[in-house]
Amino acid sequence: MATRQRSLIDRMRGAAMLDVATYEEVEADSTATSQAAIVVAIAAIASAIGAAGRGGPGIIGGLIGGLLSWVIWAGLTYLIGDKVFGGTATWGELLRTLGFAQSPRVLLVFGIIPVFGWLVWVAVAVWVLIAGIIAIRQALDFSTQKALLTALIGWVVVVVVSALLGGLGAMTPGF
């Protein structure tokens, strides 16, 4: 029996609500990679708008940084999760699930609001971290503990490399 493919908005909503079935759906749908890229682009633009008052990277810089960090993050996650911890996924599956895990970042547009904005950034950071761990767990088909370790090791690598390359803040996964 064929299942109906959900819309981009439905998938973003499901991913933001931490719905495991949504992550399984985008993992299995090899045509959803372009949708995941759109999610990352929307999230990066919202983030750039939300950071505009604090001298953020601008929309073009945020977009490039967001897309680049997504690709690097998925690659690192694939290497760590698949090769080190024995998960079973392809790089494309991780691209898709981690792309949709960025869905809560659309709320970063509200980061531009004085005083309230920093609360939005903190809440969204935690939300995206949790969504990323679920995305990793579902794509690699292993435990939450392995997903957490995979995410933390990958994050540390990206932060260190980013610092060595001159502190490219846009390169930090999820933020």
C-alpha atoms as a PDB file:
ATOM      1  CA  MET A   1       0.000   0.000   0.000  1.00  0.00           C
ATOM      2  CA  ALA A   2       1.482   3.360  -1.035  1.00  0.00           C
ATOM      3  CA  THR A   3       1.753   6.122   1.546  1.00  0.00           C
ATOM      4  CA  ARG A   4       1.092   9.751   0.781  1.00  0.00           C
ATOM      5  CA  GLN A   5       4.163  11.991   0.883  1.00  0.00           C
ATOM      6  CA  ARG A   6       3.599  14.826   3.327  1.00  0.00           C
ATOM      7  CA  SER A   7       4.268  18.446   2.411  1.00  0.00           C
ATOM      8  CA  LEU A   8       7.389  20.332   3.404  1.00  0.00           C
ATOM      9  CA  ILE A   9       5.454  22.267   6.048  1.00  0.00           C
ATOM     10  CA  ASP A  10       3.946  19.065   7.482  1.00  0.00           C
ATOM     11  CA  ARG A  11       7.389  17.495   7.673  1.00  0.00           C
ATOM     12  CA  MET A  12       8.897  20.604   9.276  1.00  0.00           C
ATOM     13  CA  ARG A  13       6.117  20.632  11.850  1.00  0.00           C
ATOM     14  CA  GLY A  14       6.601  16.914  12.568  1.00  0.00           C
ATOM     15  CA  ALA A  15      10.369  17.306  12.897  1.00  0.00           C
ATOM     16  CA  ALA A  16       9.972  20.310  15.192  1.00  0.00           C
ATOM     17  CA  MET A  17       7.503  18.340  17.316  1.00  0.00           C
ATOM     18  CA  LEU A  18      10.183  15.619  17.622  1.00  0.00           C
ATOM     19  CA  ASP A  19       7.935  13.086  15.885  1.00  0.00           C
ATOM     20  CA  VAL A  20       9.988   9.932  15.313  1.00  0.00           C
ATOM     21  CA  ALA A  21       7.773   8.877  12.389  1.00  0.00           C
ATOM     22  CA  THR A  22       8.637  12.116  10.559  1.00  0.00           C
ATOM     23  CA  TYR A  23      12.361  11.424  10.919  1.00  0.00           C
ATOM     24  CA  GLU A  24      11.842   7.862   9.683  1.00  0.00           C
ATOM     25  CA  GLU A  25       9.834   9.190   6.728  1.00  0.00           C
ATOM     26  CA  VAL A  26      12.480  11.685   5.570  1.00  0.00           C
ATOM     27  CA  GLU A  27      15.246   9.160   6.184  1.00  0.00           C
ATOM     28  CA  ALA A  28      13.566   6.708   3.812  1.00  0.00           C
ATOM     29  CA  ASP A  29      12.569   9.285   1.168  1.00  0.00           C
ATOM     30  CA  SER A  30      15.630   9.804  -1.026  1.00  0.00           C
ATOM     31  CA  THR A  31      13.791  12.584  -2.863  1.00  0.00           C
ATOM     32  CA  ALA A  32      13.540  14.653   0.361  1.00  0.00           C
ATOM     33  CA  THR A  33      17.153  15.867   0.282  1.00  0.00           C
ATOM     34  CA  SER A  34      16.140  19.016  -1.596  1.00  0.00           C
ATOM     35  CA  GLN A  35      13.379  19.592   0.966  1.00  0.00           C
ATOM     36  CA  ALA A  36      15.955  19.252   3.757  1.00  0.00           C
ATOM     37  CA  ALA A  37      18.149  21.842   1.998  1.00  0.00           C
ATOM     38  CA  ILE A  38      15.166  24.200   1.832  1.00  0.00           C
ATOM     39  CA  VAL A  39      14.588  23.725   5.573  1.00  0.00           C
ATOM     40  CA  VAL A  40      18.236  24.551   6.283  1.00  0.00           C
ATOM     41  CA  ALA A  41      18.062  27.620   4.014  1.00  0.00           C
ATOM     42  CA  ILE A  42      14.866  28.897   5.669  1.00  0.00           C
ATOM     43  CA  ALA A  43      16.374  28.309   9.122  1.00  0.00           C
ATOM     44  CA  ALA A  44      19.602  30.096   8.150  1.00  0.00           C
ATOM     45  CA  ILE A  45      17.717  33.121   6.823  1.00  0.00           C
ATOM     46  CA  ALA A  46      15.538  33.274   9.960  1.00  0.00           C
ATOM     47  CA  SER A  47      18.685  33.045  12.075  1.00  0.00           C
ATOM     48  CA  ALA A  48      20.374  35.854  10.127  1.00  0.00           C
ATOM     49  CA  ILE A  49      17.313  38.084  10.517  1.00  0.00           C
ATOM     50  CA  GLY A  50      17.136  37.312  14.237  1.00  0.00           C
ATOM     51  CA  ALA A  51      20.826  38.161  14.669  1.00  0.00           C
ATOM     52  CA  ALA A  52      20.684  41.353  12.603  1.00  0.00           C
ATOM     53  CA  GLY A  53      20.553  43.628  15.640  1.00  0.00           C
ATOM     54  CA  ARG A  54      23.673  42.030  17.101  1.00  0.00           C
ATOM     55  CA  GLY A  55      25.851  42.271  14.011  1.00  0.00           C
ATOM     56  CA  GLY A  56      25.077  38.793  12.673  1.00  0.00           C
ATOM     57  CA  PRO A  57      26.554  37.419   9.449  1.00  0.00           C
ATOM     58  CA  GLY A  58      23.857  38.830   7.158  1.00  0.00           C
ATOM     59  CA  ILE A  59      21.451  36.801   5.076  1.00  0.00           C
ATOM     60  CA  ILE A  60      23.929  35.681   2.388  1.00  0.00           C
ATOM     61  CA  GLY A  61      26.664  34.839   4.918  1.00  0.00           C
ATOM     62  CA  GLY A  62      24.153  33.071   7.153  1.00  0.00           C
ATOM     63  CA  LEU A  63      22.779  31.097   4.221  1.00  0.00           C
ATOM     64  CA  ILE A  64      26.212  29.972   3.028  1.00  0.00           C
ATOM     65  CA  GLY A  65      27.330  29.181   6.587  1.00  0.00           C
ATOM     66  CA  GLY A  66      24.116  27.307   7.350  1.00  0.00           C
ATOM     67  CA  LEU A  67      24.273  25.126   4.241  1.00  0.00           C
ATOM     68  CA  LEU A  68      27.991  24.474   4.634  1.00  0.00           C
ATOM     69  CA  SER A  69      27.706  23.560   8.305  1.00  0.00           C
ATOM     70  CA  TRP A  70      24.778  21.225   7.516  1.00  0.00           C
ATOM     71  CA  VAL A  71      26.819  19.308   4.930  1.00  0.00           C
ATOM     72  CA  ILE A  72      29.888  19.131   7.203  1.00  0.00           C
ATOM     73  CA  TRP A  73      27.794  18.143  10.235  1.00  0.00           C
ATOM     74  CA  ALA A  74      26.089  15.339   8.298  1.00  0.00           C
ATOM     75  CA  GLY A  75      29.459  14.095   7.016  1.00  0.00           C
ATOM     76  CA  LEU A  76      31.014  14.086  10.476  1.00  0.00           C
ATOM     77  CA  THR A  77      27.951  12.435  11.949  1.00  0.00           C
ATOM     78  CA  TYR A  78      28.079   9.777   9.253  1.00  0.00           C
ATOM     79  CA  LEU A  79      31.778   9.049   9.894  1.00  0.00           C
ATOM     80  CA  ILE A  80      31.406   8.951  13.674  1.00  0.00           C
ATOM     81  CA  GLY A  81      28.040   7.198  13.891  1.00  0.00           C
ATOM     82  CA  ASP A  82      28.471   4.710  11.064  1.00  0.00           C
ATOM     83  CA  LYS A  83      32.188   3.988  11.167  1.00  0.00           C
ATOM     84  CA  VAL A  84      32.952   4.377  14.899  1.00  0.00           C
ATOM     85  CA  PHE A  85      29.702   3.391  16.623  1.00  0.00           C
ATOM     86  CA  GLY A  86      28.425   0.901  14.023  1.00  0.00           C
ATOM     87  CA  GLY A  87      25.231   2.641  12.980  1.00  0.00           C
ATOM     88  CA  THR A  88      23.582   1.870   9.669  1.00  0.00           C
ATOM     89  CA  ALA A  89      22.927   4.908   7.515  1.00  0.00           C
ATOM     90  CA  THR A  90      24.035   6.646   4.377  1.00  0.00           C
ATOM     91  CA  TRP A  91      25.294  10.194   4.221  1.00  0.00           C
ATOM     92  CA  GLY A  92      22.083  11.137   2.397  1.00  0.00           C
ATOM     93  CA  GLU A  93      19.911   9.770   5.195  1.00  0.00           C
ATOM     94  CA  LEU A  94      21.813  11.906   7.683  1.00  0.00           C
ATOM     95  CA  LEU A  95      21.582  14.955   5.415  1.00  0.00           C
ATOM     96  CA  ARG A  96      17.826  14.589   5.305  1.00  0.00           C
ATOM     97  CA  THR A  97      17.174  13.907   8.975  1.00  0.00           C
ATOM     98  CA  LEU A  98      19.633  16.543  10.221  1.00  0.00           C
ATOM     99  CA  GLY A  99      18.254  19.045   7.728  1.00  0.00           C
ATOM    100  CA  PHE A 100      14.749  18.623   9.074  1.00  0.00           C
ATOM    101  CA  ALA A 101      16.090  18.767  12.640  1.00  0.00           C
ATOM    102  CA  GLN A 102      16.841  22.432  11.886  1.00  0.00           C
ATOM    103  CA  SER A 103      13.095  23.174  11.647  1.00  0.00           C
ATOM    104  CA  PRO A 104      12.823  24.868  15.086  1.00  0.00           C
ATOM    105  CA  ARG A 105      15.416  27.416  13.927  1.00  0.00           C
ATOM    106  CA  VAL A 106      12.722  29.272  11.971  1.00  0.00           C
ATOM    107  CA  LEU A 107      11.755  30.737  15.345  1.00  0.00           C
ATOM    108  CA  LEU A 108      15.151  32.466  15.543  1.00  0.00           C
ATOM    109  CA  VAL A 109      13.608  35.274  13.531  1.00  0.00           C
ATOM    110  CA  PHE A 110      12.179  36.375  16.905  1.00  0.00           C
ATOM    111  CA  GLY A 111      15.727  36.752  18.203  1.00  0.00           C
ATOM    112  CA  ILE A 112      15.624  40.287  16.867  1.00  0.00           C
ATOM    113  CA  ILE A 113      13.196  41.334  19.635  1.00  0.00           C
ATOM    114  CA  PRO A 114      15.091  43.278  22.311  1.00  0.00           C
ATOM    115  CA  VAL A 115      15.340  41.640  25.759  1.00  0.00           C
ATOM    116  CA  PHE A 116      13.193  38.650  24.716  1.00  0.00           C
ATOM    117  CA  GLY A 117      15.494  37.600  21.860  1.00  0.00           C
ATOM    118  CA  TRP A 118      18.142  35.865  23.953  1.00  0.00           C
ATOM    119  CA  LEU A 119      15.484  33.574  25.476  1.00  0.00           C
ATOM    120  CA  VAL A 120      14.462  32.541  21.976  1.00  0.00           C
ATOM    121  CA  TRP A 121      18.095  31.723  21.096  1.00  0.00           C
ATOM    122  CA  VAL A 122      18.559  29.570  24.216  1.00  0.00           C
ATOM    123  CA  ALA A 123      15.254  27.720  23.817  1.00  0.00           C
ATOM    124  CA  VAL A 124      15.840  27.050  20.120  1.00  0.00           C
ATOM    125  CA  ALA A 125      19.422  25.880  20.754  1.00  0.00           C
ATOM    126  CA  VAL A 126      18.202  23.237  23.210  1.00  0.00           C
ATOM    127  CA  TRP A 127      15.316  22.289  20.924  1.00  0.00           C
ATOM    128  CA  VAL A 128      17.591  21.827  17.888  1.00  0.00           C
ATOM    129  CA  LEU A 129      20.057  19.779  19.945  1.00  0.00           C
ATOM    130  CA  ILE A 130      17.276  17.408  20.997  1.00  0.00           C
ATOM    131  CA  ALA A 131      15.913  17.240  17.439  1.00  0.00           C
ATOM    132  CA  GLY A 132      19.433  16.533  16.141  1.00  0.00           C
ATOM    133  CA  ILE A 133      19.921  13.669  18.562  1.00  0.00           C
ATOM    134  CA  ILE A 134      16.585  12.157  17.507  1.00  0.00           C
ATOM    135  CA  ALA A 135      17.539  12.622  13.834  1.00  0.00           C
ATOM    136  CA  ILE A 136      20.895  10.907  14.390  1.00  0.00           C
ATOM    137  CA  ARG A 137      19.317   8.075  16.370  1.00  0.00           C
ATOM    138  CA  GLN A 138      16.678   7.409  13.737  1.00  0.00           C
ATOM    139  CA  ALA A 139      19.014   7.664  10.751  1.00  0.00           C
ATOM    140  CA  LEU A 140      21.738   5.485  12.252  1.00  0.00           C
ATOM    141  CA  ASP A 141      19.312   3.036  13.871  1.00  0.00           C
ATOM    142  CA  PHE A 142      20.992   2.887  17.231  1.00  0.00           C
ATOM    143  CA  SER A 143      20.500   3.919  20.880  1.00  0.00           C
ATOM    144  CA  THR A 144      19.915   7.413  22.190  1.00  0.00           C
ATOM    145  CA  GLN A 145      23.204   7.144  24.107  1.00  0.00           C
ATOM    146  CA  LYS A 146      25.166   6.456  20.911  1.00  0.00           C
ATOM    147  CA  ALA A 147      23.293   9.269  19.170  1.00  0.00           C
ATOM    148  CA  LEU A 148      24.191  11.652  21.995  1.00  0.00           C
ATOM    149  CA  LEU A 149      27.861  10.622  21.862  1.00  0.00           C
ATOM    150  CA  THR A 150      27.892  10.949  18.077  1.00  0.00           C
ATOM    151  CA  ALA A 151      26.391  14.437  18.302  1.00  0.00           C
ATOM    152  CA  LEU A 152      28.771  15.594  21.047  1.00  0.00           C
ATOM    153  CA  ILE A 153      31.922  14.279  19.378  1.00  0.00           C
ATOM    154  CA  GLY A 154      30.896  15.802  16.049  1.00  0.00           C
ATOM    155  CA  TRP A 155      30.026  19.127  17.677  1.00  0.00           C
ATOM    156  CA  VAL A 156      33.403  19.308  19.442  1.00  0.00           C
ATOM    157  CA  VAL A 157      35.211  18.600  16.151  1.00  0.00           C
ATOM    158  CA  VAL A 158      33.265  21.346  14.356  1.00  0.00           C
ATOM    159  CA  VAL A 159      33.865  23.866  17.144  1.00  0.00           C
ATOM    160  CA  VAL A 160      37.610  23.120  17.227  1.00  0.00           C
ATOM    161  CA  VAL A 161      37.954  23.305  13.444  1.00  0.00           C
ATOM    162  CA  SER A 162      35.875  26.496  13.410  1.00  0.00           C
ATOM    163  CA  ALA A 163      38.118  28.072  16.045  1.00  0.00           C
ATOM    164  CA  LEU A 164      41.236  27.063  14.109  1.00  0.00           C
ATOM    165  CA  LEU A 165      39.791  28.621  10.946  1.00  0.00           C
ATOM    166  CA  GLY A 166      39.181  31.943  12.636  1.00  0.00           C
ATOM    167  CA  GLY A 167      36.031  31.435  14.661  1.00  0.00           C
ATOM    168  CA  LEU A 168      33.459  31.045  11.914  1.00  0.00           C
ATOM    169  CA  GLY A 169      30.458  31.189  14.252  1.00  0.00           C
ATOM    170  CA  ALA A 170      28.097  30.237  11.440  1.00  0.00           C
ATOM    171  CA  MET A 171      29.828  26.868  11.229  1.00  0.00           C
ATOM    172  CA  THR A 172      28.578  25.637  14.599  1.00  0.00           C
ATOM    173  CA  PRO A 173      25.912  22.985  13.888  1.00  0.00           C
ATOM    174  CA  GLY A 174      22.414  24.048  14.699  1.00  0.00           C
ATOM    175  CA  PHE A 175      23.136  27.630  15.713  1.00  0.00           C
END
